[in-house]
């Protein structure tokens, strides 16, 4: 399989709608996908023009922009956004387009597996106990952790800044303070 991360067409910088963005010469993407130069015009007409918006997904440059492309044809003045390039590669029926789809699918599976293996805090809550927060962050062995001094400091910070502290009943510990998630993140980041 071709190493898609190192052979993807070079990007250029273009001003589009007041923003500076990276774009790709469509002829380079066309060549990257394994198509021959003589069907570029038809490919642009059938794939780019009916499916994407000019000055949003692509621009038509009146003159060549600096590019690594060795040859130039009039139609190579189309510059597409990186998102448009991905869409076109995914729509491609070429062997490289197929490899690119497999590559993106494998990245997606890896990311999904990584996300599923991470513990999650309930998304409906905004306040957490110190232990719940630390367990979520992967600190599962908290035998020697001094949560009382941490709770004292966090309580003092919350009170000083007018931040609400909630209470949680615990059979083992009694009433526990629940601190805002953002406060816990900031405190343990130091």
C-alpha atoms as a PDB file:
ATOM      1  CA  UNK A   1       0.000   0.000   0.000  1.00  0.00           C
ATOM      2  CA  UNK A   2       1.226   3.482  -0.821  1.00  0.00           C
ATOM      3  CA  UNK A   3       2.202   5.619   2.215  1.00  0.00           C
ATOM      4  CA  UNK A   4      -0.630   8.128   1.965  1.00  0.00           C
ATOM      5  CA  UNK A   5       0.670  10.347   4.757  1.00  0.00           C
ATOM      6  CA  UNK A   6       3.846  11.275   2.860  1.00  0.00           C
ATOM      7  CA  UNK A   7       2.659  11.286  -0.754  1.00  0.00           C
ATOM      8  CA  UNK A   8      -0.421  13.476  -0.479  1.00  0.00           C
ATOM      9  CA  UNK A   9      -0.260  16.476  -2.852  1.00  0.00           C
ATOM     10  CA  UNK A  10       1.529  19.600  -1.662  1.00  0.00           C
ATOM     11  CA  UNK A  11      -0.580  22.414  -0.241  1.00  0.00           C
ATOM     12  CA  UNK A  12      -0.460  26.070  -1.146  1.00  0.00           C
ATOM     13  CA  UNK A  13      -1.674  29.076   0.809  1.00  0.00           C
ATOM     14  CA  UNK A  14      -4.586  31.021  -0.683  1.00  0.00           C
ATOM     15  CA  UNK A  15      -6.786  33.892   0.506  1.00  0.00           C
ATOM     16  CA  UNK A  16     -10.429  32.783   0.507  1.00  0.00           C
ATOM     17  CA  UNK A  17     -13.326  34.786   1.963  1.00  0.00           C
ATOM     18  CA  UNK A  18     -10.923  36.899   4.015  1.00  0.00           C
ATOM     19  CA  UNK A  19      -9.120  33.895   5.508  1.00  0.00           C
ATOM     20  CA  UNK A  20      -5.769  32.368   4.658  1.00  0.00           C
ATOM     21  CA  UNK A  21      -6.246  28.646   4.070  1.00  0.00           C
ATOM     22  CA  UNK A  22      -4.305  25.733   2.622  1.00  0.00           C
ATOM     23  CA  UNK A  23      -5.482  24.428  -0.730  1.00  0.00           C
ATOM     24  CA  UNK A  24      -4.396  21.831  -3.274  1.00  0.00           C
ATOM     25  CA  UNK A  25      -4.039  22.177  -7.040  1.00  0.00           C
ATOM     26  CA  UNK A  26      -6.769  19.885  -8.346  1.00  0.00           C
ATOM     27  CA  UNK A  27      -4.503  18.554 -11.099  1.00  0.00           C
ATOM     28  CA  UNK A  28      -2.082  17.289  -8.423  1.00  0.00           C
ATOM     29  CA  UNK A  29      -4.905  15.503  -6.585  1.00  0.00           C
ATOM     30  CA  UNK A  30      -6.093  14.075  -9.899  1.00  0.00           C
ATOM     31  CA  UNK A  31      -2.611  12.726 -10.591  1.00  0.00           C
ATOM     32  CA  UNK A  32      -2.265  11.486  -6.974  1.00  0.00           C
ATOM     33  CA  UNK A  33      -5.447   9.440  -7.380  1.00  0.00           C
ATOM     34  CA  UNK A  34      -3.901   7.714 -10.411  1.00  0.00           C
ATOM     35  CA  UNK A  35      -5.982   9.289 -13.159  1.00  0.00           C
ATOM     36  CA  UNK A  36      -4.466  10.216 -16.505  1.00  0.00           C
ATOM     37  CA  UNK A  37      -4.019  13.839 -17.480  1.00  0.00           C
ATOM     38  CA  UNK A  38      -6.366  13.581 -20.476  1.00  0.00           C
ATOM     39  CA  UNK A  39      -9.529  13.065 -18.381  1.00  0.00           C
ATOM     40  CA  UNK A  40      -8.940  15.973 -15.957  1.00  0.00           C
ATOM     41  CA  UNK A  41     -11.490  18.254 -17.643  1.00  0.00           C
ATOM     42  CA  UNK A  42     -14.201  15.567 -17.534  1.00  0.00           C
ATOM     43  CA  UNK A  43     -13.356  14.745 -13.901  1.00  0.00           C
ATOM     44  CA  UNK A  44     -13.688  18.392 -12.873  1.00  0.00           C
ATOM     45  CA  UNK A  45     -16.998  18.675 -14.738  1.00  0.00           C
ATOM     46  CA  UNK A  46     -18.455  15.498 -13.253  1.00  0.00           C
ATOM     47  CA  UNK A  47     -17.018  15.502  -9.727  1.00  0.00           C
ATOM     48  CA  UNK A  48     -16.091  19.020  -8.647  1.00  0.00           C
ATOM     49  CA  UNK A  49     -18.475  21.468 -10.322  1.00  0.00           C
ATOM     50  CA  UNK A  50     -21.829  19.788  -9.553  1.00  0.00           C
ATOM     51  CA  UNK A  51     -20.939  18.832  -5.964  1.00  0.00           C
ATOM     52  CA  UNK A  52     -19.003  21.805  -4.572  1.00  0.00           C
ATOM     53  CA  UNK A  53     -19.340  25.589  -4.341  1.00  0.00           C
ATOM     54  CA  UNK A  54     -16.943  28.028  -5.962  1.00  0.00           C
ATOM     55  CA  UNK A  55     -15.237  30.436  -3.536  1.00  0.00           C
ATOM     56  CA  UNK A  56     -16.121  28.118  -0.675  1.00  0.00           C
ATOM     57  CA  UNK A  57     -14.831  24.666  -1.625  1.00  0.00           C
ATOM     58  CA  UNK A  58     -12.623  25.708  -4.526  1.00  0.00           C
ATOM     59  CA  UNK A  59     -11.321  28.754  -6.353  1.00  0.00           C
ATOM     60  CA  UNK A  60     -10.560  29.258 -10.000  1.00  0.00           C
ATOM     61  CA  UNK A  61      -7.263  31.140 -10.180  1.00  0.00           C
ATOM     62  CA  UNK A  62      -6.810  33.464 -13.176  1.00  0.00           C
ATOM     63  CA  UNK A  63      -3.099  32.624 -13.288  1.00  0.00           C
ATOM     64  CA  UNK A  64      -0.903  29.817 -12.029  1.00  0.00           C
ATOM     65  CA  UNK A  65       0.004  29.833  -8.353  1.00  0.00           C
ATOM     66  CA  UNK A  66       3.405  28.521  -7.249  1.00  0.00           C
ATOM     67  CA  UNK A  67       3.086  24.740  -7.205  1.00  0.00           C
ATOM     68  CA  UNK A  68       5.220  21.628  -7.428  1.00  0.00           C
ATOM     69  CA  UNK A  69       3.254  20.436 -10.466  1.00  0.00           C
ATOM     70  CA  UNK A  70       5.685  20.076 -13.424  1.00  0.00           C
ATOM     71  CA  UNK A  71       3.154  20.565 -16.209  1.00  0.00           C
ATOM     72  CA  UNK A  72       0.327  23.043 -16.487  1.00  0.00           C
ATOM     73  CA  UNK A  73      -2.977  22.848 -18.299  1.00  0.00           C
ATOM     74  CA  UNK A  74      -5.615  25.541 -18.289  1.00  0.00           C
ATOM     75  CA  UNK A  75      -7.810  23.494 -15.980  1.00  0.00           C
ATOM     76  CA  UNK A  76      -5.082  23.072 -13.365  1.00  0.00           C
ATOM     77  CA  UNK A  77      -5.902  26.529 -12.068  1.00  0.00           C
ATOM     78  CA  UNK A  78      -8.601  25.060  -9.841  1.00  0.00           C
ATOM     79  CA  UNK A  79      -7.502  25.083  -6.220  1.00  0.00           C
ATOM     80  CA  UNK A  80      -9.552  23.056  -3.751  1.00  0.00           C
ATOM     81  CA  UNK A  81      -9.766  23.114   0.037  1.00  0.00           C
ATOM     82  CA  UNK A  82      -8.365  20.177   1.974  1.00  0.00           C
ATOM     83  CA  UNK A  83     -11.899  19.086   2.933  1.00  0.00           C
ATOM     84  CA  UNK A  84     -12.904  19.100  -0.734  1.00  0.00           C
ATOM     85  CA  UNK A  85      -9.790  17.070  -1.583  1.00  0.00           C
ATOM     86  CA  UNK A  86     -10.799  14.492   1.033  1.00  0.00           C
ATOM     87  CA  UNK A  87     -14.334  14.320  -0.377  1.00  0.00           C
ATOM     88  CA  UNK A  88     -13.017  13.852  -3.913  1.00  0.00           C
ATOM     89  CA  UNK A  89     -10.565  11.173  -2.785  1.00  0.00           C
ATOM     90  CA  UNK A  90     -13.350   9.336  -0.964  1.00  0.00           C
ATOM     91  CA  UNK A  91     -15.578   9.538  -4.059  1.00  0.00           C
ATOM     92  CA  UNK A  92     -12.772   8.282  -6.281  1.00  0.00           C
ATOM     93  CA  UNK A  93     -13.024   4.905  -7.985  1.00  0.00           C
ATOM     94  CA  UNK A  94      -9.247   4.569  -8.360  1.00  0.00           C
ATOM     95  CA  UNK A  95      -7.022   2.131  -6.468  1.00  0.00           C
ATOM     96  CA  UNK A  96      -5.450   4.981  -4.494  1.00  0.00           C
ATOM     97  CA  UNK A  97      -8.907   6.312  -3.628  1.00  0.00           C
ATOM     98  CA  UNK A  98      -9.734   2.845  -2.273  1.00  0.00           C
ATOM     99  CA  UNK A  99      -6.488   2.823  -0.231  1.00  0.00           C
ATOM    100  CA  UNK A 100      -7.291   6.296   1.063  1.00  0.00           C
ATOM    101  CA  UNK A 101     -10.754   5.170   2.199  1.00  0.00           C
ATOM    102  CA  UNK A 102      -9.212   2.155   3.982  1.00  0.00           C
ATOM    103  CA  UNK A 103      -6.615   4.426   5.578  1.00  0.00           C
ATOM    104  CA  UNK A 104      -9.279   6.831   6.911  1.00  0.00           C
ATOM    105  CA  UNK A 105     -11.450   3.948   8.120  1.00  0.00           C
ATOM    106  CA  UNK A 106      -8.496   2.450  10.026  1.00  0.00           C
ATOM    107  CA  UNK A 107      -7.779   5.837  11.631  1.00  0.00           C
ATOM    108  CA  UNK A 108     -11.429   6.132  12.609  1.00  0.00           C
ATOM    109  CA  UNK A 109     -11.467   2.615  14.125  1.00  0.00           C
ATOM    110  CA  UNK A 110      -8.265   3.329  16.078  1.00  0.00           C
ATOM    111  CA  UNK A 111      -9.699   6.587  17.419  1.00  0.00           C
ATOM    112  CA  UNK A 112     -13.007   4.946  18.305  1.00  0.00           C
ATOM    113  CA  UNK A 113     -11.254   2.088  20.147  1.00  0.00           C
ATOM    114  CA  UNK A 114      -9.097   4.591  22.038  1.00  0.00           C
ATOM    115  CA  UNK A 115     -12.141   6.665  23.016  1.00  0.00           C
ATOM    116  CA  UNK A 116     -14.136   3.621  24.094  1.00  0.00           C
ATOM    117  CA  UNK A 117     -11.288   2.419  26.318  1.00  0.00           C
ATOM    118  CA  UNK A 118     -11.147   5.701  28.236  1.00  0.00           C
ATOM    119  CA  UNK A 119     -13.307   6.062  31.335  1.00  0.00           C
ATOM    120  CA  UNK A 120     -15.956   8.732  31.057  1.00  0.00           C
ATOM    121  CA  UNK A 121     -17.538  11.097  33.467  1.00  0.00           C
ATOM    122  CA  UNK A 122     -21.310  11.347  33.148  1.00  0.00           C
ATOM    123  CA  UNK A 123     -21.911  14.127  30.633  1.00  0.00           C
ATOM    124  CA  UNK A 124     -25.008  15.450  32.400  1.00  0.00           C
ATOM    125  CA  UNK A 125     -23.024  16.445  35.478  1.00  0.00           C
ATOM    126  CA  UNK A 126     -20.957  19.560  35.915  1.00  0.00           C
ATOM    127  CA  UNK A 127     -19.666  18.889  39.452  1.00  0.00           C
ATOM    128  CA  UNK A 128     -17.553  15.930  40.638  1.00  0.00           C
ATOM    129  CA  UNK A 129     -15.932  14.704  43.816  1.00  0.00           C
ATOM    130  CA  UNK A 130     -12.145  14.779  43.872  1.00  0.00           C
ATOM    131  CA  UNK A 131     -11.956  10.976  43.836  1.00  0.00           C
ATOM    132  CA  UNK A 132     -14.412  10.618  40.916  1.00  0.00           C
ATOM    133  CA  UNK A 133     -12.429  13.169  38.939  1.00  0.00           C
ATOM    134  CA  UNK A 134      -9.065  11.522  39.678  1.00  0.00           C
ATOM    135  CA  UNK A 135     -10.408   8.053  38.885  1.00  0.00           C
ATOM    136  CA  UNK A 136     -11.618   9.408  35.557  1.00  0.00           C
ATOM    137  CA  UNK A 137      -8.136  10.816  34.921  1.00  0.00           C
ATOM    138  CA  UNK A 138      -6.572   7.387  35.542  1.00  0.00           C
ATOM    139  CA  UNK A 139      -5.374   7.827  39.133  1.00  0.00           C
ATOM    140  CA  UNK A 140      -6.989   4.660  40.444  1.00  0.00           C
ATOM    141  CA  UNK A 141      -4.557   3.970  43.303  1.00  0.00           C
ATOM    142  CA  UNK A 142      -5.477   6.777  45.700  1.00  0.00           C
ATOM    143  CA  UNK A 143      -4.632   5.104  49.022  1.00  0.00           C
ATOM    144  CA  UNK A 144      -1.988   7.687  49.988  1.00  0.00           C
ATOM    145  CA  UNK A 145      -3.748  10.662  48.409  1.00  0.00           C
ATOM    146  CA  UNK A 146      -4.532  13.473  50.864  1.00  0.00           C
ATOM    147  CA  UNK A 147      -7.945  14.519  49.613  1.00  0.00           C
ATOM    148  CA  UNK A 148      -8.735  16.568  52.722  1.00  0.00           C
ATOM    149  CA  UNK A 149      -6.026  19.185  52.026  1.00  0.00           C
ATOM    150  CA  UNK A 150      -7.039  19.268  48.348  1.00  0.00           C
ATOM    151  CA  UNK A 151     -10.691  19.666  49.366  1.00  0.00           C
ATOM    152  CA  UNK A 152      -9.761  22.457  51.765  1.00  0.00           C
ATOM    153  CA  UNK A 153      -7.853  24.349  49.017  1.00  0.00           C
ATOM    154  CA  UNK A 154     -10.581  23.825  46.401  1.00  0.00           C
ATOM    155  CA  UNK A 155     -13.309  24.872  48.851  1.00  0.00           C
ATOM    156  CA  UNK A 156     -11.375  28.014  49.717  1.00  0.00           C
ATOM    157  CA  UNK A 157     -10.886  28.858  46.000  1.00  0.00           C
ATOM    158  CA  UNK A 158     -14.559  28.249  45.192  1.00  0.00           C
ATOM    159  CA  UNK A 159     -15.769  30.336  48.151  1.00  0.00           C
ATOM    160  CA  UNK A 160     -13.372  33.172  47.303  1.00  0.00           C
ATOM    161  CA  UNK A 161     -14.629  33.256  43.695  1.00  0.00           C
ATOM    162  CA  UNK A 162     -18.319  32.713  44.462  1.00  0.00           C
ATOM    163  CA  UNK A 163     -18.377  29.285  42.767  1.00  0.00           C
ATOM    164  CA  UNK A 164     -21.056  26.814  43.880  1.00  0.00           C
ATOM    165  CA  UNK A 165     -20.000  23.595  45.622  1.00  0.00           C
ATOM    166  CA  UNK A 166     -22.514  20.744  45.586  1.00  0.00           C
ATOM    167  CA  UNK A 167     -22.814  17.926  48.163  1.00  0.00           C
ATOM    168  CA  UNK A 168     -22.950  14.172  47.556  1.00  0.00           C
ATOM    169  CA  UNK A 169     -23.964  11.554  50.124  1.00  0.00           C
ATOM    170  CA  UNK A 170     -21.450   8.743  50.572  1.00  0.00           C
ATOM    171  CA  UNK A 171     -22.086   5.747  52.845  1.00  0.00           C
ATOM    172  CA  UNK A 172     -18.363   5.450  53.509  1.00  0.00           C
ATOM    173  CA  UNK A 173     -17.355   9.136  53.781  1.00  0.00           C
ATOM    174  CA  UNK A 174     -20.531  11.016  54.687  1.00  0.00           C
ATOM    175  CA  UNK A 175     -21.166  14.206  52.726  1.00  0.00           C
ATOM    176  CA  UNK A 176     -18.583  14.875  50.019  1.00  0.00           C
ATOM    177  CA  UNK A 177     -18.006  18.127  48.185  1.00  0.00           C
ATOM    178  CA  UNK A 178     -18.523  18.150  44.449  1.00  0.00           C
ATOM    179  CA  UNK A 179     -16.513  20.803  42.610  1.00  0.00           C
ATOM    180  CA  UNK A 180     -17.045  22.213  39.106  1.00  0.00           C
ATOM    181  CA  UNK A 181     -15.264  20.185  36.448  1.00  0.00           C
ATOM    182  CA  UNK A 182     -13.362  23.250  35.158  1.00  0.00           C
ATOM    183  CA  UNK A 183     -12.097  24.015  38.685  1.00  0.00           C
ATOM    184  CA  UNK A 184     -10.793  20.446  39.085  1.00  0.00           C
ATOM    185  CA  UNK A 185      -9.075  20.561  35.699  1.00  0.00           C
ATOM    186  CA  UNK A 186      -7.391  23.882  36.553  1.00  0.00           C
ATOM    187  CA  UNK A 187      -6.346  22.733  40.032  1.00  0.00           C
ATOM    188  CA  UNK A 188      -4.789  19.436  38.928  1.00  0.00           C
ATOM    189  CA  UNK A 189      -3.130  20.963  35.860  1.00  0.00           C
ATOM    190  CA  UNK A 190      -0.533  22.649  38.053  1.00  0.00           C
END
